[in-house]
Amino acid sequence: MNFIHYLTAESKVATGLIIAEKLFHTIEFNEPGYQTGKEALDDCWKWLAGENVTGDYLYNYIDSGDYIDITEFANDEENRLKQHAWYAVLDAVSYTIYQAYEKENVKIVPQAMESIDDDTLKTLGENAIESGLFNLESINNIKTYILENDSSGSKLKRPTSLIVKLL
């Protein structure tokens, strides 16, 4: 995942979100937290598209006052594969928040965000491969997809479900 250092901030966010979306497919629609995870990913893509979504708004998905957040779902999950999926979503959303705070010039971030940086994406990729749900070819396919779409000069768009499955 060393290629991420050569990407734009937007492409880095998209890389993390694509990996998370691919793993999130292991979470069933009727499982606890599914809706929260889906909304978090949806709102991260909205932020990437330039919609009015702030870092603080996204932060509530990883640390909420009511404990209905991605961190709780990841910590409570007992199934190893689904736990990998939840942590992928957590890392991707956290990285999006990190970039949102950078773009907003926020100087003082919540403590949970202090350790988030490009290495978070490397860890996300490594954990995706470790899960067995992902392989190096998948990472290379995402890299190719991102590089092809990043060079177009327009905003990166959320890939369709079919494209995510193929990556």
Foldseek 3Di string as FASTA:
>chain_A
DVCLVVDDLLLLLLLLLLLLVLLLVVDDPPDQLNVLLVVLSVVLLCVLQVHPDALVNSVCQDPNPVCSHLVNVLVPDDDLSVNLSSVSSVLSSLSSSVVRCVVVVPDDDPPVNPPRDSVSSVVNVVSSVVSVSDHPVLSVLSVVVSVVQVVVPHGDHRDDPVVSNVD
